[in-house]
Amino acid sequence: MKISFLIHNAYGIGGTITTTFNLAGALADRHDVEIISVLRSRERPNLTPDPRVRLRPLVDLRHEKNDPRHLTPAKVFPSSEYRYREYSALTDERISEALASLDADVVVGTRPGLNVHLALQAPARTVRVGQEHLTLDNHPPRLRNVLRRVYPRLDAITPVTEADAAAYRRKMRLPGVRVQALPNSVPTPTLPPADGRERVVVAAGRLVPVKRFDLLIEAFAAVAAQYPDWKLRIYGRGEEQERLRGLIDRLGLYNNVFLMGAVTPMEAEWVKGSIGAATSNFEPFGMTIVEAMRCGLPVVSTDCAYGPGEIIAPGEDGRLVPVGDRDALAGALLDLVGDDELRRRMGRTALENSRRYAPAPVVAQAERLFEELLAARSAGRPARGTEHALVSSGYATRDTMLVAASSVVRAVRKARR
């Protein structure tokens, strides 16, 4: 097959970029694969794509950010999408041209706004797959209403969790569209796995409020009080860095907790630890959880929607604690810190259980899906069976009411200014 991925900016850093590169590289073993990056912000990508995967940028911000067309708002990319301000008449034009000339069998979008482009502009002969790396419930009502209008033109939607796939089936009416969960994959590590002997807890992610690294630091204070030789290393960068550094100082943890900055790839850092930690209030999947487990670390995580509960088997390869519960988090960490045999046994189980997120099984799922969609297209039949019918209209009504109420509030605020 010829397979094209359409991504926001392949030259940045993020979970969507990582998993797209992983999937594209694995598919390149048997297929002709390219990644189309709407934006280009630097000479080379932060992550290195598989050399067999072509990378094709559409708008080079190093030279075109002041192009008058790029200073004009986009009309195709939905204004309710999170990245809207980065899109423009120029991106509309370039994406439209790229899709019009596409000769791929399958084209895969990687965020809602790009999936809208696929639905409206991809060639009819091409199978159109909309990946969902966030979640339906996390989108604003205005965007959900846009998706309801255009997503019926897609062949499939692939959320990364079964929970989000169920939400699409329950809350959207998308006749003829196949909804199938397709998890992210993590390549097989090249380094020996962690052996559970290091006295280090490792966490990674953007330093932003939703990740709740403040909760992790506060919980780790209880660990440091009982086991002062244990360390916590947090990898990442973001707006919370100075606030977290201040919290470390106030709690007197400057000899135990370290903000390590952003590191890519993380494999060499995971294997230096013995426990992984994830403390988000919300996590569409939980890429760092899988990365840690693939390196032999049991993971203590908040049981937030949607991913951790589908990845971690509590008591076997990690622990799940209630969102925002500092004491429960501290208790779970202390259980693993204080029991060497338990920690090592759970680490071995984590290594084994996480094999389902290796490229081979995930790529096999993707290949089966693409082949079935192509066969359905060739036969002129729907991409799904009636057992996947989406029947609810109440959610659409509620979203429409929320949009109307929001418009009224904005109008009142504007009148008062």
Protein backbone atom coordinates (compact mmCIF):
# COMPACT_ATOMS: atom_id res chain seq x y z
CA MET A 1 0.00 0.00 0.00
CA LYS A 2 0.91 3.65 -0.40
CA ILE A 3 0.22 5.33 2.94
CA SER A 4 0.43 9.06 3.72
CA PHE A 5 0.26 10.63 7.19
CA LEU A 6 -0.77 14.29 7.56
CA ILE A 7 0.69 15.85 10.70
CA HIS A 8 0.77 19.34 12.22
CA ASN A 9 4.53 19.85 12.62
CA ALA A 10 6.88 16.88 12.33
CA TYR A 11 9.78 19.13 13.35
CA GLY A 12 8.57 19.63 16.94
CA ILE A 13 8.42 17.42 20.03
CA GLY A 14 5.33 15.61 21.27
CA GLY A 15 3.48 12.34 21.67
CA THR A 16 1.65 12.59 18.34
CA ILE A 17 4.93 13.11 16.48
CA THR A 18 6.57 10.21 18.29
CA THR A 19 3.78 7.73 17.67
CA THR A 20 3.37 8.82 14.03
CA PHE A 21 7.08 8.32 13.38
CA ASN A 22 6.91 4.94 15.17
CA LEU A 23 3.94 3.70 13.14
CA ALA A 24 5.23 5.08 9.84
CA GLY A 25 8.63 3.47 10.34
CA ALA A 26 7.12 0.10 11.19
CA LEU A 27 4.76 0.22 8.20
CA ALA A 28 7.74 1.02 5.94
CA ASP A 29 8.86 -2.59 6.32
CA ARG A 30 6.14 -3.58 3.84
CA HIS A 31 4.65 -0.40 2.41
CA ASP A 32 5.46 2.90 0.69
CA VAL A 33 5.08 5.52 3.44
CA GLU A 34 5.37 9.30 3.63
CA ILE A 35 4.72 11.91 6.31
CA ILE A 36 3.32 15.25 5.15
CA SER A 37 4.10 17.96 7.71
CA VAL A 38 1.90 21.04 7.37
CA LEU A 39 4.50 23.19 9.11
CA ARG A 40 8.28 23.19 9.19
CA SER A 41 10.04 25.16 11.91
CA ARG A 42 13.66 24.00 11.70
CA GLU A 43 16.19 22.38 9.38
CA ARG A 44 15.91 18.85 10.78
CA PRO A 45 13.26 17.13 12.93
CA ASN A 46 13.93 16.77 16.64
CA LEU A 47 13.10 13.09 16.20
CA THR A 48 14.72 11.13 13.40
CA PRO A 49 12.24 9.43 11.07
CA ASP A 50 12.99 6.05 9.55
CA PRO A 51 15.11 6.71 6.43
CA ARG A 52 12.60 4.75 4.34
CA VAL A 53 9.84 7.23 5.25
CA ARG A 54 9.69 10.37 3.10
CA LEU A 55 9.11 13.63 4.98
CA ARG A 56 7.42 16.38 2.98
CA PRO A 57 6.79 19.82 4.56
CA LEU A 58 4.17 22.17 3.11
CA VAL A 59 4.81 25.56 4.78
CA ASP A 60 8.32 26.50 5.89
CA LEU A 61 7.93 28.95 8.76
CA ARG A 62 11.60 29.90 8.55
CA HIS A 63 10.87 31.68 5.27
CA GLU A 64 7.08 32.00 4.97
CA LYS A 65 5.79 33.08 8.37
CA ASN A 66 5.31 36.65 7.09
CA ASP A 67 3.69 35.65 3.82
CA PRO A 68 0.45 37.69 3.54
CA ARG A 69 -1.50 34.47 3.04
CA HIS A 70 -0.12 33.14 6.31
CA LEU A 71 -1.33 36.29 8.06
CA THR A 72 -4.87 35.64 6.77
CA PRO A 73 -7.11 33.34 8.87
CA ALA A 74 -7.79 29.79 7.72
CA LYS A 75 -11.24 28.92 6.41
CA VAL A 76 -11.06 25.13 6.17
CA PHE A 77 -9.23 24.32 9.40
CA PRO A 78 -11.93 24.75 12.10
CA SER A 79 -11.64 27.86 14.28
CA SER A 80 -12.68 25.85 17.36
CA GLU A 81 -9.62 23.59 17.06
CA TYR A 82 -6.82 24.15 19.58
CA ARG A 83 -4.18 24.84 16.91
CA TYR A 84 -6.31 27.20 14.81
CA ARG A 85 -4.09 30.27 15.30
CA GLU A 86 -1.20 28.42 13.66
CA TYR A 87 -3.22 27.82 10.49
CA SER A 88 -3.96 30.27 7.71
CA ALA A 89 -5.07 30.80 4.15
CA LEU A 90 -1.58 29.60 3.16
CA THR A 91 -1.95 26.29 5.04
CA ASP A 92 -5.46 25.90 3.58
CA GLU A 93 -3.97 26.32 0.11
CA ARG A 94 -0.98 24.01 0.59
CA ILE A 95 -2.99 21.23 2.28
CA SER A 96 -5.62 21.40 -0.45
CA GLU A 97 -2.95 21.14 -3.17
CA ALA A 98 -1.19 18.26 -1.42
CA LEU A 99 -4.40 16.28 -1.01
CA ALA A 100 -5.56 16.98 -4.58
CA SER A 101 -2.33 15.51 -5.96
CA LEU A 102 -2.25 12.58 -3.54
CA ASP A 103 -1.79 9.11 -5.08
CA ALA A 104 -1.89 7.21 -1.78
CA ASP A 105 -4.17 4.26 -1.11
CA VAL A 106 -4.66 5.44 2.48
CA VAL A 107 -4.27 8.89 4.02
CA VAL A 108 -4.21 9.29 7.79
CA GLY A 109 -4.91 12.56 9.61
CA THR A 110 -3.47 13.02 13.09
CA ARG A 111 -5.62 15.76 14.69
CA PRO A 112 -9.24 16.92 14.32
CA GLY A 113 -8.52 19.99 12.17
CA LEU A 114 -6.48 17.93 9.73
CA ASN A 115 -9.13 15.22 9.71
CA VAL A 116 -11.57 17.92 8.58
CA HIS A 117 -9.26 18.65 5.64
CA LEU A 118 -9.17 14.93 4.78
CA ALA A 119 -12.93 14.59 4.99
CA LEU A 120 -13.53 17.58 2.71
CA GLN A 121 -10.58 17.46 0.33
CA ALA A 122 -8.97 14.01 0.06
CA PRO A 123 -9.57 12.21 -3.26
CA ALA A 124 -12.63 9.96 -3.34
CA ARG A 125 -10.44 7.05 -4.46
CA THR A 126 -8.33 7.29 -1.27
CA VAL A 127 -9.28 5.69 2.04
CA ARG A 128 -9.50 8.45 4.65
CA VAL A 129 -8.62 7.63 8.27
CA GLY A 130 -8.93 10.18 11.06
CA GLN A 131 -6.70 9.42 14.05
CA GLU A 132 -7.72 10.85 17.43
CA HIS A 133 -4.80 11.49 19.77
CA LEU A 134 -6.90 13.52 22.22
CA THR A 135 -10.46 12.48 23.15
CA LEU A 136 -13.94 13.35 21.97
CA ASP A 137 -15.00 14.61 25.40
CA ASN A 138 -11.97 16.89 25.60
CA HIS A 139 -12.99 18.80 22.46
CA PRO A 140 -15.11 21.95 22.88
CA PRO A 141 -18.80 21.62 21.91
CA ARG A 142 -18.33 23.85 18.86
CA LEU A 143 -15.64 21.53 17.49
CA ARG A 144 -17.69 18.41 18.21
CA ASN A 145 -20.51 19.89 16.12
CA VAL A 146 -18.09 20.52 13.24
CA LEU A 147 -16.89 16.93 13.46
CA ARG A 148 -20.46 15.66 13.37
CA ARG A 149 -21.00 17.46 10.08
CA VAL A 150 -17.83 16.37 8.28
CA TYR A 151 -16.68 13.10 9.85
CA PRO A 152 -19.34 11.04 7.99
CA ARG A 153 -17.11 11.57 4.92
CA LEU A 154 -14.27 9.63 6.56
CA ASP A 155 -13.87 5.89 6.20
CA ALA A 156 -12.65 5.32 9.75
CA ILE A 157 -11.86 7.02 13.05
CA THR A 158 -9.13 5.49 15.21
CA PRO A 159 -9.02 6.70 18.84
CA VAL A 160 -6.10 5.42 20.89
CA THR A 161 -8.24 3.82 23.62
CA GLU A 162 -11.29 1.57 23.73
CA ALA A 163 -12.92 4.04 26.12
CA ASP A 164 -12.73 6.87 23.60
CA ALA A 165 -13.87 4.59 20.77
CA ALA A 166 -16.93 3.78 22.90
CA ALA A 167 -17.53 7.51 23.40
CA TYR A 168 -17.53 8.07 19.63
CA ARG A 169 -20.00 5.23 19.10
CA ARG A 170 -22.26 6.52 21.88
CA LYS A 171 -22.16 10.26 21.23
CA MET A 172 -21.69 10.72 17.49
CA ARG A 173 -23.94 9.71 14.60
CA LEU A 174 -21.53 8.69 11.83
CA PRO A 175 -23.23 6.33 9.37
CA GLY A 176 -20.78 4.27 7.34
CA VAL A 177 -17.78 5.28 9.45
CA ARG A 178 -15.79 2.55 11.18
CA VAL A 179 -14.68 3.38 14.72
CA GLN A 180 -11.81 1.22 15.94
CA ALA A 181 -9.30 1.79 18.72
CA LEU A 182 -5.68 1.75 17.57
CA PRO A 183 -3.20 2.24 20.41
CA ASN A 184 0.12 4.03 20.16
CA SER A 185 3.20 1.85 19.81
CA VAL A 186 6.65 2.06 21.39
CA PRO A 187 9.67 0.45 19.67
CA THR A 188 11.50 -2.37 21.38
CA PRO A 189 14.19 -0.80 23.60
CA THR A 190 17.77 -1.25 22.52
CA LEU A 191 19.18 -1.12 26.07
CA PRO A 192 18.89 -3.83 28.74
CA PRO A 193 15.80 -3.26 30.90
CA ALA A 194 15.96 -1.78 34.37
CA ASP A 195 16.70 -4.32 37.12
CA GLY A 196 14.88 -2.52 39.94
CA ARG A 197 18.05 -1.87 41.94
CA GLU A 198 18.43 1.86 41.35
CA ARG A 199 16.83 4.05 43.99
CA VAL A 200 15.22 6.35 41.46
CA VAL A 201 11.65 7.23 40.48
CA VAL A 202 11.33 8.62 36.93
CA ALA A 203 8.58 10.78 35.43
CA ALA A 204 8.41 12.56 32.08
CA GLY A 205 6.13 14.94 30.23
CA ARG A 206 5.40 18.57 29.55
CA LEU A 207 5.68 20.72 32.66
CA VAL A 208 2.09 21.96 32.48
CA PRO A 209 -0.68 22.04 35.12
CA VAL A 210 -2.65 19.03 33.82
CA LYS A 211 0.36 16.73 34.36
CA ARG A 212 0.29 17.48 38.13
CA PHE A 213 3.99 17.18 38.77
CA ASP A 214 3.33 19.33 41.86
CA LEU A 215 1.26 16.44 43.25
CA LEU A 216 4.09 14.02 42.51
CA ILE A 217 6.66 16.23 44.25
CA GLU A 218 4.43 16.61 47.31
CA ALA A 219 3.82 12.85 47.45
CA PHE A 220 7.52 12.15 47.06
CA ALA A 221 8.20 14.21 50.18
CA ALA A 222 6.78 11.28 52.17
CA VAL A 223 9.11 8.89 50.33
CA ALA A 224 12.16 11.08 50.95
CA ALA A 225 11.28 11.35 54.65
CA GLN A 226 11.40 7.56 55.08
CA TYR A 227 13.95 6.72 52.40
CA PRO A 228 16.29 9.73 52.02
CA ASP A 229 18.54 7.85 49.57
CA TRP A 230 15.74 7.70 46.95
CA LYS A 231 15.59 10.31 44.17
CA LEU A 232 12.87 11.61 41.86
CA ARG A 233 13.86 12.72 38.36
CA ILE A 234 11.33 14.66 36.27
CA TYR A 235 12.08 15.06 32.56
CA GLY A 236 10.45 17.74 30.41
CA ARG A 237 10.06 21.46 29.95
CA GLY A 238 7.17 23.87 30.14
CA GLU A 239 5.45 26.75 31.85
CA GLU A 240 5.43 25.10 35.30
CA GLN A 241 9.19 24.81 35.61
CA GLU A 242 9.81 27.75 37.95
CA ARG A 243 6.77 26.98 40.10
CA LEU A 244 7.90 23.38 40.50
CA ARG A 245 11.43 24.48 41.33
CA GLY A 246 10.03 26.76 44.01
CA LEU A 247 7.96 23.89 45.43
CA ILE A 248 11.06 21.68 45.61
CA ASP A 249 12.90 24.38 47.53
CA ARG A 250 10.00 25.05 49.93
CA LEU A 251 9.72 21.34 50.77
CA GLY A 252 13.48 21.04 51.23
CA LEU A 253 13.72 18.38 48.55
CA TYR A 254 16.59 19.90 46.58
CA ASN A 255 18.75 16.83 47.34
CA ASN A 256 16.01 14.38 46.30
CA VAL A 257 13.97 15.87 43.45
CA PHE A 258 15.54 17.03 40.19
CA LEU A 259 14.08 18.76 37.13
CA MET A 260 16.17 17.21 34.39
CA GLY A 261 14.98 19.17 31.34
CA ALA A 262 13.74 17.66 28.09
CA VAL A 263 15.51 14.53 26.82
CA THR A 264 14.78 12.73 23.54
CA PRO A 265 14.72 9.79 23.34
CA MET A 266 13.94 8.85 26.94
CA GLU A 267 14.93 5.19 26.87
CA ALA A 268 18.36 5.70 28.43
CA GLU A 269 16.75 7.65 31.29
CA TRP A 270 13.95 5.16 32.01
CA VAL A 271 16.41 2.29 32.46
CA LYS A 272 18.28 4.32 35.10
CA GLY A 273 15.20 4.17 37.31
CA SER A 274 13.25 1.50 39.18
CA ILE A 275 9.73 3.01 39.27
CA GLY A 276 7.83 5.14 36.75
CA ALA A 277 5.28 7.74 37.85
CA ALA A 278 2.42 9.45 35.99
CA THR A 279 0.15 11.84 37.86
CA SER A 280 -2.00 13.58 35.22
CA ASN A 281 -5.55 14.78 35.81
CA PHE A 282 -6.25 13.74 32.21
CA GLU A 283 -4.35 11.54 29.77
CA PRO A 284 -5.73 10.60 26.33
CA PHE A 285 -3.42 7.57 26.24
CA GLY A 286 -0.33 7.54 28.44
CA MET A 287 2.68 7.24 26.16
CA THR A 288 5.17 7.71 29.00
CA ILE A 289 3.51 4.88 30.93
CA VAL A 290 4.10 2.47 28.04
CA GLU A 291 7.66 3.76 27.53
CA ALA A 292 8.48 3.14 31.20
CA MET A 293 6.94 -0.34 31.17
CA ARG A 294 8.75 -1.25 27.95
CA CYS A 295 11.98 -0.49 29.88
CA GLY A 296 11.02 -2.76 32.78
CA LEU A 297 9.59 -0.23 35.23
CA PRO A 298 6.38 -0.75 37.20
CA VAL A 299 4.34 2.45 37.01
CA VAL A 300 2.33 4.25 39.68
CA SER A 301 -0.30 6.36 37.93
CA THR A 302 -3.44 8.31 38.61
CA ASP A 303 -6.50 6.48 37.30
CA CYS A 304 -7.48 9.34 35.02
CA ALA A 305 -9.48 9.17 31.82
CA TYR A 306 -8.72 7.55 29.46
CA GLY A 307 -5.52 5.59 29.01
CA PRO A 308 -3.87 4.47 32.28
CA GLY A 309 -6.65 2.07 33.23
CA GLU A 310 -6.30 0.27 29.89
CA ILE A 311 -2.50 0.05 30.13
CA ILE A 312 -1.79 -0.83 33.78
CA ALA A 313 -2.96 -4.05 35.45
CA PRO A 314 -3.13 -2.90 39.10
CA GLY A 315 -1.14 -5.07 41.44
CA GLU A 316 0.57 -6.87 38.56
CA ASP A 317 2.66 -4.29 36.69
CA GLY A 318 1.84 -1.06 38.52
CA ARG A 319 -0.61 0.78 40.70
CA LEU A 320 -3.56 3.08 39.98
CA VAL A 321 -4.55 5.76 42.49
CA PRO A 322 -7.42 8.28 42.48
CA VAL A 323 -6.82 11.52 40.58
CA GLY A 324 -5.47 14.27 42.83
CA ASP A 325 -5.02 12.01 45.88
CA ARG A 326 -1.59 12.88 47.22
CA ASP A 327 -1.74 10.45 50.16
CA ALA A 328 -2.77 7.50 47.97
CA LEU A 329 0.01 8.36 45.54
CA ALA A 330 2.57 8.53 48.35
CA GLY A 331 1.33 5.22 49.74
CA ALA A 332 1.62 3.46 46.39
CA LEU A 333 5.15 4.79 45.87
CA LEU A 334 6.15 3.76 49.39
CA ASP A 335 4.83 0.22 48.83
CA LEU A 336 7.17 -0.23 45.85
CA VAL A 337 10.11 1.67 47.34
CA GLY A 338 9.98 -0.40 50.52
CA ASP A 339 9.65 -3.85 48.94
CA ASP A 340 12.55 -4.78 46.65
CA GLU A 341 11.11 -8.12 45.58
CA LEU A 342 7.66 -6.67 44.80
CA ARG A 343 9.22 -3.86 42.76
CA ARG A 344 11.39 -6.20 40.71
CA ARG A 345 8.60 -8.72 40.14
CA MET A 346 6.22 -6.00 38.96
CA GLY A 347 8.95 -4.58 36.73
CA ARG A 348 9.38 -7.97 35.02
CA THR A 349 5.61 -8.23 34.55
CA ALA A 350 5.47 -4.68 33.17
CA LEU A 351 8.11 -5.61 30.60
CA GLU A 352 6.10 -8.65 29.51
CA ASN A 353 2.65 -7.02 29.55
CA SER A 354 3.81 -3.99 27.56
CA ARG A 355 4.82 -6.14 24.58
CA ARG A 356 1.29 -5.66 23.22
CA TYR A 357 2.31 -2.06 22.48
CA ALA A 358 5.36 -3.10 20.45
CA PRO A 359 5.26 -2.00 16.79
CA ALA A 360 4.52 -5.49 15.40
CA PRO A 361 1.09 -6.06 16.99
CA VAL A 362 0.02 -2.44 16.56
CA VAL A 363 1.12 -2.38 12.91
CA ALA A 364 -0.70 -5.66 12.33
CA GLN A 365 -3.89 -4.01 13.60
CA ALA A 366 -3.34 -0.98 11.36
CA GLU A 367 -2.61 -3.13 8.30
CA ARG A 368 -5.76 -5.21 8.82
CA LEU A 369 -7.83 -2.08 9.19
CA PHE A 370 -6.39 -0.41 6.08
CA GLU A 371 -6.76 -3.57 4.00
CA GLU A 372 -10.37 -4.06 5.09
CA LEU A 373 -11.20 -0.43 4.33
CA LEU A 374 -9.60 -0.73 0.88
CA ALA A 375 -11.53 -3.94 0.22
CA ALA A 376 -14.78 -2.28 1.29
CA ARG A 377 -14.04 0.70 -0.96
CA SER A 378 -13.32 -1.60 -3.94
CA ALA A 379 -16.52 -3.56 -3.33
CA GLY A 380 -18.60 -0.43 -2.93
CA ARG A 381 -19.85 -1.40 0.53
CA PRO A 382 -19.80 0.43 3.90
CA ALA A 383 -16.61 0.38 5.93
CA ARG A 384 -18.40 -1.13 8.92
CA GLY A 385 -21.23 -3.50 9.80
CA THR A 386 -24.55 -2.53 11.35
CA GLU A 387 -23.32 -3.73 14.74
CA HIS A 388 -21.33 -0.49 14.96
CA ALA A 389 -24.33 1.80 14.31
CA LEU A 390 -24.19 5.11 16.19
CA VAL A 391 -27.67 6.07 17.24
CA SER A 392 -27.67 8.95 19.75
CA SER A 393 -28.75 12.48 18.82
CA GLY A 394 -29.14 13.85 22.36
CA TYR A 395 -25.45 14.68 22.68
CA ALA A 396 -25.57 16.78 19.50
CA THR A 397 -28.54 18.73 20.88
CA ARG A 398 -26.72 19.36 24.14
CA ASP A 399 -23.58 20.55 22.35
CA THR A 400 -25.66 22.91 20.20
CA MET A 401 -27.23 24.37 23.35
CA LEU A 402 -23.79 24.79 24.95
CA VAL A 403 -22.49 26.60 21.85
CA ALA A 404 -25.53 28.92 21.87
CA ALA A 405 -25.12 29.67 25.57
CA SER A 406 -21.41 30.39 25.09
CA SER A 407 -22.23 32.81 22.25
CA VAL A 408 -24.67 34.68 24.48
CA VAL A 409 -22.10 34.98 27.27
CA ARG A 410 -19.49 36.32 24.86
CA ALA A 411 -21.96 38.87 23.46
CA VAL A 412 -22.86 40.11 26.95
CA ARG A 413 -19.20 40.46 27.93
CA LYS A 414 -18.46 42.34 24.73
CA ALA A 415 -21.38 44.73 25.35
CA ARG A 416 -20.11 45.49 28.87
CA ARG A 417 -16.64 46.45 27.67
